[in-house]
Amino acid sequence: MFSWNRALLVMLCATAHAHVVSISNGELRVTGRSATLELRIPAYEVEALATPETTLLNELRFGDAQRISSNCAKDKDWLTCHASYEFA
């Protein structure tokens, strides 16, 4: 027997889109006017970026803090960036 509810369910499932959850993580430690950031991103999440080492850190802003140093290192599975900031 034909069921409209079942047909509707099949049509909705056919158009469902997958969602992705990132496992990127980071930690910002603030000490007085200084802050240090460690950012870890899976390598597969930054494959499309030509220069992820600079692109990602240029997008991060912490109020009026100025980035005074940064470096990123890529191993086979992760891109790990460290940056230091100074608040006014």
PDB file of N, CA and C in Angstrom:
ATOM      1  N   MET A   1       0.833  -1.172   0.000  1.00  0.00           N
ATOM      2  CA  MET A   1       0.000   0.000   0.000  1.00  0.00           C
ATOM      3  C   MET A   1       0.882   1.242   0.000  1.00  0.00           C
ATOM      4  N   PHE A   2       0.538   2.235  -0.782  1.00  0.00           N
ATOM      5  CA  PHE A   2       1.300   3.464  -0.932  1.00  0.00           C
ATOM      6  C   PHE A   2       1.048   4.370   0.267  1.00  0.00           C
ATOM      7  N   SER A   3       2.139   4.925   0.801  1.00  0.00           N
ATOM      8  CA  SER A   3       2.010   5.836   1.949  1.00  0.00           C
ATOM      9  C   SER A   3       2.644   7.181   1.594  1.00  0.00           C
ATOM     10  N   TRP A   4       1.831   8.240   1.692  1.00  0.00           N
ATOM     11  CA  TRP A   4       2.348   9.578   1.407  1.00  0.00           C
ATOM     12  C   TRP A   4       3.428   9.964   2.417  1.00  0.00           C
ATOM     13  N   ASN A   5       3.274   9.544   3.650  1.00  0.00           N
ATOM     14  CA  ASN A   5       4.272   9.855   4.671  1.00  0.00           C
ATOM     15  C   ASN A   5       5.618   9.222   4.326  1.00  0.00           C
ATOM     16  N   ARG A   6       5.585   7.983   3.875  1.00  0.00           N
ATOM     17  CA  ARG A   6       6.812   7.285   3.508  1.00  0.00           C
ATOM     18  C   ARG A   6       7.445   7.942   2.280  1.00  0.00           C
ATOM     19  N   ALA A   7       6.638   8.325   1.321  1.00  0.00           N
ATOM     20  CA  ALA A   7       7.149   8.985   0.114  1.00  0.00           C
ATOM     21  C   ALA A   7       7.791  10.324   0.474  1.00  0.00           C
ATOM     22  N   LEU A   8       7.156  11.077   1.360  1.00  0.00           N
ATOM     23  CA  LEU A   8       7.710  12.353   1.790  1.00  0.00           C
ATOM     24  C   LEU A   8       9.045  12.162   2.515  1.00  0.00           C
ATOM     25  N   LEU A   9       9.123  11.165   3.362  1.00  0.00           N
ATOM     26  CA  LEU A   9      10.351  10.871   4.087  1.00  0.00           C
ATOM     27  C   LEU A   9      11.482  10.526   3.122  1.00  0.00           C
ATOM     28  N   VAL A  10      11.206   9.732   2.115  1.00  0.00           N
ATOM     29  CA  VAL A  10      12.223   9.365   1.129  1.00  0.00           C
ATOM     30  C   VAL A  10      12.708  10.603   0.371  1.00  0.00           C
ATOM     31  N   MET A  11      11.799  11.484   0.003  1.00  0.00           N
ATOM     32  CA  MET A  11      12.190  12.700  -0.717  1.00  0.00           C
ATOM     33  C   MET A  11      13.029  13.625   0.161  1.00  0.00           C
ATOM     34  N   LEU A  12      12.686  13.754   1.427  1.00  0.00           N
ATOM     35  CA  LEU A  12      13.449  14.607   2.326  1.00  0.00           C
ATOM     36  C   LEU A  12      14.847  14.045   2.576  1.00  0.00           C
ATOM     37  N   CYS A  13      14.943  12.744   2.722  1.00  0.00           N
ATOM     38  CA  CYS A  13      16.252  12.121   2.942  1.00  0.00           C
ATOM     39  C   CYS A  13      17.144  12.268   1.718  1.00  0.00           C
ATOM     40  N   ALA A  14      16.560  12.236   0.547  1.00  0.00           N
ATOM     41  CA  ALA A  14      17.329  12.356  -0.685  1.00  0.00           C
ATOM     42  C   ALA A  14      17.946  13.744  -0.829  1.00  0.00           C
ATOM     43  N   THR A  15      17.341  14.746  -0.233  1.00  0.00           N
ATOM     44  CA  THR A  15      17.867  16.104  -0.356  1.00  0.00           C
ATOM     45  C   THR A  15      18.631  16.558   0.880  1.00  0.00           C
ATOM     46  N   ALA A  16      18.830  15.693   1.843  1.00  0.00           N
ATOM     47  CA  ALA A  16      19.560  16.065   3.059  1.00  0.00           C
ATOM     48  C   ALA A  16      21.024  16.335   2.722  1.00  0.00           C
ATOM     49  N   HIS A  17      21.590  17.330   3.350  1.00  0.00           N
ATOM     50  CA  HIS A  17      22.983  17.685   3.129  1.00  0.00           C
ATOM     51  C   HIS A  17      23.786  17.348   4.381  1.00  0.00           C
ATOM     52  N   ALA A  18      25.008  16.901   4.165  1.00  0.00           N
ATOM     53  CA  ALA A  18      25.877  16.567   5.286  1.00  0.00           C
ATOM     54  C   ALA A  18      26.447  17.843   5.893  1.00  0.00           C
ATOM     55  N   HIS A  19      26.711  17.800   7.181  1.00  0.00           N
ATOM     56  CA  HIS A  19      27.340  18.908   7.882  1.00  0.00           C
ATOM     57  C   HIS A  19      28.691  18.437   8.389  1.00  0.00           C
ATOM     58  N   VAL A  20      29.641  19.334   8.389  1.00  0.00           N
ATOM     59  CA  VAL A  20      30.995  18.998   8.811  1.00  0.00           C
ATOM     60  C   VAL A  20      31.307  19.757  10.098  1.00  0.00           C
ATOM     61  N   VAL A  21      31.911  19.059  11.017  1.00  0.00           N
ATOM     62  CA  VAL A  21      32.334  19.677  12.260  1.00  0.00           C
ATOM     63  C   VAL A  21      33.862  19.695  12.256  1.00  0.00           C
ATOM     64  N   SER A  22      34.434  20.853  12.493  1.00  0.00           N
ATOM     65  CA  SER A  22      35.885  20.991  12.498  1.00  0.00           C
ATOM     66  C   SER A  22      36.447  20.514  13.829  1.00  0.00           C
ATOM     67  N   ILE A  23      37.637  19.911  13.760  1.00  0.00           N
ATOM     68  CA  ILE A  23      38.314  19.528  14.992  1.00  0.00           C
ATOM     69  C   ILE A  23      39.487  20.468  15.280  1.00  0.00           C
ATOM     70  N   SER A  24      39.491  21.610  14.604  1.00  0.00           N
ATOM     71  CA  SER A  24      40.496  22.633  14.891  1.00  0.00           C
ATOM     72  C   SER A  24      40.324  23.088  16.337  1.00  0.00           C
ATOM     73  N   ASN A  25      41.438  23.469  16.939  1.00  0.00           N
ATOM     74  CA  ASN A  25      41.343  23.962  18.305  1.00  0.00           C
ATOM     75  C   ASN A  25      42.446  24.972  18.556  1.00  0.00           C
ATOM     76  N   GLY A  26      42.260  25.771  19.568  1.00  0.00           N
ATOM     77  CA  GLY A  26      43.253  26.772  19.898  1.00  0.00           C
ATOM     78  C   GLY A  26      43.154  27.178  21.346  1.00  0.00           C
ATOM     79  N   GLU A  27      44.214  27.826  21.796  1.00  0.00           N
ATOM     80  CA  GLU A  27      44.247  28.300  23.178  1.00  0.00           C
ATOM     81  C   GLU A  27      44.915  29.664  23.202  1.00  0.00           C
ATOM     82  N   LEU A  28      44.251  30.617  23.820  1.00  0.00           N
ATOM     83  CA  LEU A  28      44.804  31.964  23.994  1.00  0.00           C
ATOM     84  C   LEU A  28      45.066  32.162  25.476  1.00  0.00           C
ATOM     85  N   ARG A  29      46.310  32.483  25.804  1.00  0.00           N
ATOM     86  CA  ARG A  29      46.686  32.748  27.199  1.00  0.00           C
ATOM     87  C   ARG A  29      47.078  34.215  27.334  1.00  0.00           C
ATOM     88  N   VAL A  30      46.397  34.896  28.229  1.00  0.00           N
ATOM     89  CA  VAL A  30      46.643  36.321  28.442  1.00  0.00           C
ATOM     90  C   VAL A  30      47.343  36.501  29.780  1.00  0.00           C
ATOM     91  N   THR A  31      48.461  37.234  29.730  1.00  0.00           N
ATOM     92  CA  THR A  31      49.220  37.563  30.928  1.00  0.00           C
ATOM     93  C   THR A  31      49.522  39.051  30.881  1.00  0.00           C
ATOM     94  N   GLY A  32      48.803  39.818  31.688  1.00  0.00           N
ATOM     95  CA  GLY A  32      48.988  41.266  31.667  1.00  0.00           C
ATOM     96  C   GLY A  32      48.607  41.835  30.306  1.00  0.00           C
ATOM     97  N   ARG A  33      49.559  42.528  29.660  1.00  0.00           N
ATOM     98  CA  ARG A  33      49.315  43.117  28.346  1.00  0.00           C
ATOM     99  C   ARG A  33      49.719  42.200  27.207  1.00  0.00           C
ATOM    100  N   SER A  34      50.223  41.015  27.518  1.00  0.00           N
ATOM    101  CA  SER A  34      50.690  40.081  26.495  1.00  0.00           C
ATOM    102  C   SER A  34      49.749  38.887  26.387  1.00  0.00           C
ATOM    103  N   ALA A  35      49.716  38.306  25.197  1.00  0.00           N
ATOM    104  CA  ALA A  35      48.912  37.102  24.966  1.00  0.00           C
ATOM    105  C   ALA A  35      49.663  36.187  24.015  1.00  0.00           C
ATOM    106  N   THR A  36      49.516  34.897  24.237  1.00  0.00           N
ATOM    107  CA  THR A  36      50.088  33.916  23.313  1.00  0.00           C
ATOM    108  C   THR A  36      48.961  33.015  22.817  1.00  0.00           C
ATOM    109  N   LEU A  37      49.040  32.679  21.548  1.00  0.00           N
ATOM    110  CA  LEU A  37      48.023  31.855  20.905  1.00  0.00           C
ATOM    111  C   LEU A  37      48.668  30.613  20.335  1.00  0.00           C
ATOM    112  N   GLU A  38      48.047  29.473  20.580  1.00  0.00           N
ATOM    113  CA  GLU A  38      48.419  28.239  19.889  1.00  0.00           C
ATOM    114  C   GLU A  38      47.176  27.790  19.138  1.00  0.00           C
ATOM    115  N   LEU A  39      47.312  27.593  17.840  1.00  0.00           N
ATOM    116  CA  LEU A  39      46.208  27.200  16.980  1.00  0.00           C
ATOM    117  C   LEU A  39      46.595  25.925  16.261  1.00  0.00           C
ATOM    118  N   ARG A  40      45.741  24.889  16.374  1.00  0.00           N
ATOM    119  CA  ARG A  40      46.000  23.600  15.718  1.00  0.00           C
ATOM    120  C   ARG A  40      44.850  23.286  14.768  1.00  0.00           C
ATOM    121  N   ILE A  41      45.206  23.032  13.513  1.00  0.00           N
ATOM    122  CA  ILE A  41      44.210  22.795  12.478  1.00  0.00           C
ATOM    123  C   ILE A  41      44.612  21.552  11.692  1.00  0.00           C
ATOM    124  N   PRO A  42      43.674  20.631  11.476  1.00  0.00           N
ATOM    125  CA  PRO A  42      44.010  19.466  10.660  1.00  0.00           C
ATOM    126  C   PRO A  42      44.450  19.901   9.260  1.00  0.00           C
ATOM    127  N   ALA A  43      45.461  19.249   8.722  1.00  0.00           N
ATOM    128  CA  ALA A  43      46.018  19.625   7.422  1.00  0.00           C
ATOM    129  C   ALA A  43      44.967  19.604   6.317  1.00  0.00           C
ATOM    130  N   TYR A  44      44.020  18.673   6.377  1.00  0.00           N
ATOM    131  CA  TYR A  44      43.031  18.589   5.304  1.00  0.00           C
ATOM    132  C   TYR A  44      42.097  19.796   5.277  1.00  0.00           C
ATOM    133  N   GLU A  45      41.993  20.542   6.394  1.00  0.00           N
ATOM    134  CA  GLU A  45      41.125  21.721   6.432  1.00  0.00           C
ATOM    135  C   GLU A  45      41.769  22.948   5.787  1.00  0.00           C
ATOM    136  N   VAL A  46      43.079  22.924   5.570  1.00  0.00           N
ATOM    137  CA  VAL A  46      43.754  24.086   4.999  1.00  0.00           C
ATOM    138  C   VAL A  46      44.366  23.792   3.628  1.00  0.00           C
ATOM    139  N   GLU A  47      44.053  22.652   3.051  1.00  0.00           N
ATOM    140  CA  GLU A  47      44.626  22.278   1.752  1.00  0.00           C
ATOM    141  C   GLU A  47      44.317  23.289   0.659  1.00  0.00           C
ATOM    142  N   ALA A  48      43.146  23.919   0.701  1.00  0.00           N
ATOM    143  CA  ALA A  48      42.732  24.839  -0.356  1.00  0.00           C
ATOM    144  C   ALA A  48      43.381  26.220  -0.227  1.00  0.00           C
ATOM    145  N   LEU A  49      44.010  26.514   0.896  1.00  0.00           N
ATOM    146  CA  LEU A  49      44.640  27.823   1.098  1.00  0.00           C
ATOM    147  C   LEU A  49      46.065  27.809   0.563  1.00  0.00           C
ATOM    148  N   ALA A  50      46.412  28.817  -0.225  1.00  0.00           N
ATOM    149  CA  ALA A  50      47.757  28.893  -0.794  1.00  0.00           C
ATOM    150  C   ALA A  50      48.809  29.092   0.293  1.00  0.00           C
ATOM    151  N   THR A  51      48.530  29.987   1.248  1.00  0.00           N
ATOM    152  CA  THR A  51      49.472  30.267   2.340  1.00  0.00           C
ATOM    153  C   THR A  51      48.727  30.270   3.668  1.00  0.00           C
ATOM    154  N   PRO A  52      48.356  29.097   4.158  1.00  0.00           N
ATOM    155  CA  PRO A  52      47.577  29.053   5.408  1.00  0.00           C
ATOM    156  C   PRO A  52      48.332  29.633   6.596  1.00  0.00           C
ATOM    157  N   GLU A  53      49.657  29.590   6.551  1.00  0.00           N
ATOM    158  CA  GLU A  53      50.463  30.088   7.666  1.00  0.00           C
ATOM    159  C   GLU A  53      50.209  31.572   7.925  1.00  0.00           C
ATOM    160  N   THR A  54      49.959  32.340   6.883  1.00  0.00           N
ATOM    161  CA  THR A  54      49.694  33.769   7.056  1.00  0.00           C
ATOM    162  C   THR A  54      48.206  34.088   6.967  1.00  0.00           C
ATOM    163  N   THR A  55      47.502  33.414   6.094  1.00  0.00           N
ATOM    164  CA  THR A  55      46.084  33.709   5.881  1.00  0.00           C
ATOM    165  C   THR A  55      45.276  33.562   7.160  1.00  0.00           C
ATOM    166  N   LEU A  56      45.483  32.490   7.887  1.00  0.00           N
ATOM    167  CA  LEU A  56      44.681  32.232   9.090  1.00  0.00           C
ATOM    168  C   LEU A  56      44.967  33.240  10.195  1.00  0.00           C
ATOM    169  N   LEU A  57      46.220  33.495  10.468  1.00  0.00           N
ATOM    170  CA  LEU A  57      46.557  34.425  11.545  1.00  0.00           C
ATOM    171  C   LEU A  57      46.157  35.857  11.199  1.00  0.00           C
ATOM    172  N   ASN A  58      46.148  36.205   9.923  1.00  0.00           N
ATOM    173  CA  ASN A  58      45.723  37.552   9.529  1.00  0.00           C
ATOM    174  C   ASN A  58      44.233  37.767   9.765  1.00  0.00           C
ATOM    175  N   GLU A  59      43.461  36.701   9.858  1.00  0.00           N
ATOM    176  CA  GLU A  59      42.022  36.817  10.094  1.00  0.00           C
ATOM    177  C   GLU A  59      41.662  36.907  11.568  1.00  0.00           C
ATOM    178  N   LEU A  60      42.591  36.602  12.442  1.00  0.00           N
ATOM    179  CA  LEU A  60      42.328  36.643  13.885  1.00  0.00           C
ATOM    180  C   LEU A  60      42.671  38.008  14.457  1.00  0.00           C
ATOM    181  N   ARG A  61      41.731  38.572  15.197  1.00  0.00           N
ATOM    182  CA  ARG A  61      41.952  39.862  15.841  1.00  0.00           C
ATOM    183  C   ARG A  61      41.444  39.791  17.278  1.00  0.00           C
ATOM    184  N   PHE A  62      42.196  40.408  18.176  1.00  0.00           N
ATOM    185  CA  PHE A  62      41.820  40.432  19.582  1.00  0.00           C
ATOM    186  C   PHE A  62      41.779  41.886  20.040  1.00  0.00           C
ATOM    187  N   GLY A  63      40.673  42.554  19.751  1.00  0.00           N
ATOM    188  CA  GLY A  63      40.524  43.952  20.133  1.00  0.00           C
ATOM    189  C   GLY A  63      41.619  44.808  19.530  1.00  0.00           C
ATOM    190  N   ASP A  64      42.342  45.543  20.399  1.00  0.00           N
ATOM    191  CA  ASP A  64      43.399  46.429  19.915  1.00  0.00           C
ATOM    192  C   ASP A  64      44.788  45.790  19.996  1.00  0.00           C
ATOM    193  N   ALA A  65      44.853  44.485  20.172  1.00  0.00           N
ATOM    194  CA  ALA A  65      46.147  43.801  20.279  1.00  0.00           C
ATOM    195  C   ALA A  65      46.861  43.784  18.932  1.00  0.00           C
ATOM    196  N   GLN A  66      48.191  43.929  18.988  1.00  0.00           N
ATOM    197  CA  GLN A  66      49.034  43.849  17.800  1.00  0.00           C
ATOM    198  C   GLN A  66      49.821  42.547  17.847  1.00  0.00           C
ATOM    199  N   ARG A  67      49.857  41.832  16.721  1.00  0.00           N
ATOM    200  CA  ARG A  67      50.663  40.607  16.667  1.00  0.00           C
ATOM    201  C   ARG A  67      52.126  41.022  16.546  1.00  0.00           C
ATOM    202  N   ILE A  68      52.967  40.521  17.454  1.00  0.00           N
ATOM    203  CA  ILE A  68      54.379  40.893  17.436  1.00  0.00           C
ATOM    204  C   ILE A  68      55.269  39.779  16.900  1.00  0.00           C
ATOM    205  N   SER A  69      54.767  38.545  16.890  1.00  0.00           N
ATOM    206  CA  SER A  69      55.520  37.450  16.281  1.00  0.00           C
ATOM    207  C   SER A  69      54.567  36.293  15.991  1.00  0.00           C
ATOM    208  N   SER A  70      54.981  35.469  15.030  1.00  0.00           N
ATOM    209  CA  SER A  70      54.188  34.275  14.722  1.00  0.00           C
ATOM    210  C   SER A  70      55.033  33.292  13.933  1.00  0.00           C
ATOM    211  N   ASN A  71      54.697  32.040  14.075  1.00  0.00           N
ATOM    212  CA  ASN A  71      55.313  30.996  13.257  1.00  0.00           C
ATOM    213  C   ASN A  71      54.351  29.822  13.175  1.00  0.00           C
ATOM    214  N   CYS A  72      54.401  29.123  12.064  1.00  0.00           N
ATOM    215  CA  CYS A  72      53.555  27.946  11.849  1.00  0.00           C
ATOM    216  C   CYS A  72      54.421  26.805  11.356  1.00  0.00           C
ATOM    217  N   ALA A  73      54.070  25.616  11.757  1.00  0.00           N
ATOM    218  CA  ALA A  73      54.777  24.421  11.312  1.00  0.00           C
ATOM    219  C   ALA A  73      53.745  23.390  10.885  1.00  0.00           C
ATOM    220  N   LYS A  74      54.033  22.729   9.785  1.00  0.00           N
ATOM    221  CA  LYS A  74      53.110  21.734   9.256  1.00  0.00           C
ATOM    222  C   LYS A  74      53.775  20.368   9.332  1.00  0.00           C
ATOM    223  N   ASP A  75      53.099  19.428   9.992  1.00  0.00           N
ATOM    224  CA  ASP A  75      53.548  18.048   9.885  1.00  0.00           C
ATOM    225  C   ASP A  75      52.547  17.353   8.967  1.00  0.00           C
ATOM    226  N   LYS A  76      52.562  16.057   8.884  1.00  0.00           N
ATOM    227  CA  LYS A  76      51.695  15.402   7.896  1.00  0.00           C
ATOM    228  C   LYS A  76      50.207  15.530   8.199  1.00  0.00           C
ATOM    229  N   ASP A  77      49.833  15.689   9.469  1.00  0.00           N
ATOM    230  CA  ASP A  77      48.415  15.708   9.825  1.00  0.00           C
ATOM    231  C   ASP A  77      47.894  17.050  10.341  1.00  0.00           C
ATOM    232  N   TRP A  78      48.769  17.917  10.816  1.00  0.00           N
ATOM    233  CA  TRP A  78      48.330  19.150  11.482  1.00  0.00           C
ATOM    234  C   TRP A  78      49.144  20.347  11.039  1.00  0.00           C
ATOM    235  N   LEU A  79      48.509  21.513  11.083  1.00  0.00           N
ATOM    236  CA  LEU A  79      49.193  22.794  10.972  1.00  0.00           C
ATOM    237  C   LEU A  79      49.082  23.411  12.361  1.00  0.00           C
ATOM    238  N   THR A  80      50.224  23.702  12.969  1.00  0.00           N
ATOM    239  CA  THR A  80      50.254  24.292  14.301  1.00  0.00           C
ATOM    240  C   THR A  80      50.888  25.670  14.222  1.00  0.00           C
ATOM    241  N   CYS A  81      50.154  26.680  14.674  1.00  0.00           N
ATOM    242  CA  CYS A  81      50.632  28.059  14.655  1.00  0.00           C
ATOM    243  C   CYS A  81      50.744  28.597  16.062  1.00  0.00           C
ATOM    244  N   HIS A  82      51.798  29.363  16.307  1.00  0.00           N
ATOM    245  CA  HIS A  82      51.999  30.063  17.568  1.00  0.00           C
ATOM    246  C   HIS A  82      52.140  31.545  17.234  1.00  0.00           C
ATOM    247  N   ALA A  83      51.489  32.380  18.009  1.00  0.00           N
ATOM    248  CA  ALA A  83      51.576  33.832  17.807  1.00  0.00           C
ATOM    249  C   ALA A  83      51.591  34.530  19.146  1.00  0.00           C
ATOM    250  N   SER A  84      52.293  35.655  19.183  1.00  0.00           N
ATOM    251  CA  SER A  84      52.347  36.486  20.382  1.00  0.00           C
ATOM    252  C   SER A  84      51.713  37.830  20.063  1.00  0.00           C
ATOM    253  N   TYR A  85      50.957  38.351  21.007  1.00  0.00           N
ATOM    254  CA  TYR A  85      50.233  39.609  20.844  1.00  0.00           C
ATOM    255  C   TYR A  85      50.542  40.531  22.008  1.00  0.00           C
ATOM    256  N   GLU A  86      50.482  41.822  21.742  1.00  0.00           N
ATOM    257  CA  GLU A  86      50.677  42.840  22.766  1.00  0.00           C
ATOM    258  C   GLU A  86      49.472  43.768  22.737  1.00  0.00           C
ATOM    259  N   PHE A  87      48.830  43.961  23.896  1.00  0.00           N
ATOM    260  CA  PHE A  87      47.697  44.875  24.016  1.00  0.00           C
ATOM    261  C   PHE A  87      48.193  46.281  24.341  1.00  0.00           C
ATOM    262  N   ALA A  88      47.460  47.278  23.893  1.00  0.00           N
ATOM    263  CA  ALA A  88      47.825  48.689  24.169  1.00  0.00           C
ATOM    264  C   ALA A  88      47.655  48.995  25.648  1.00  0.00           C
TER     265      ALA A  88
END
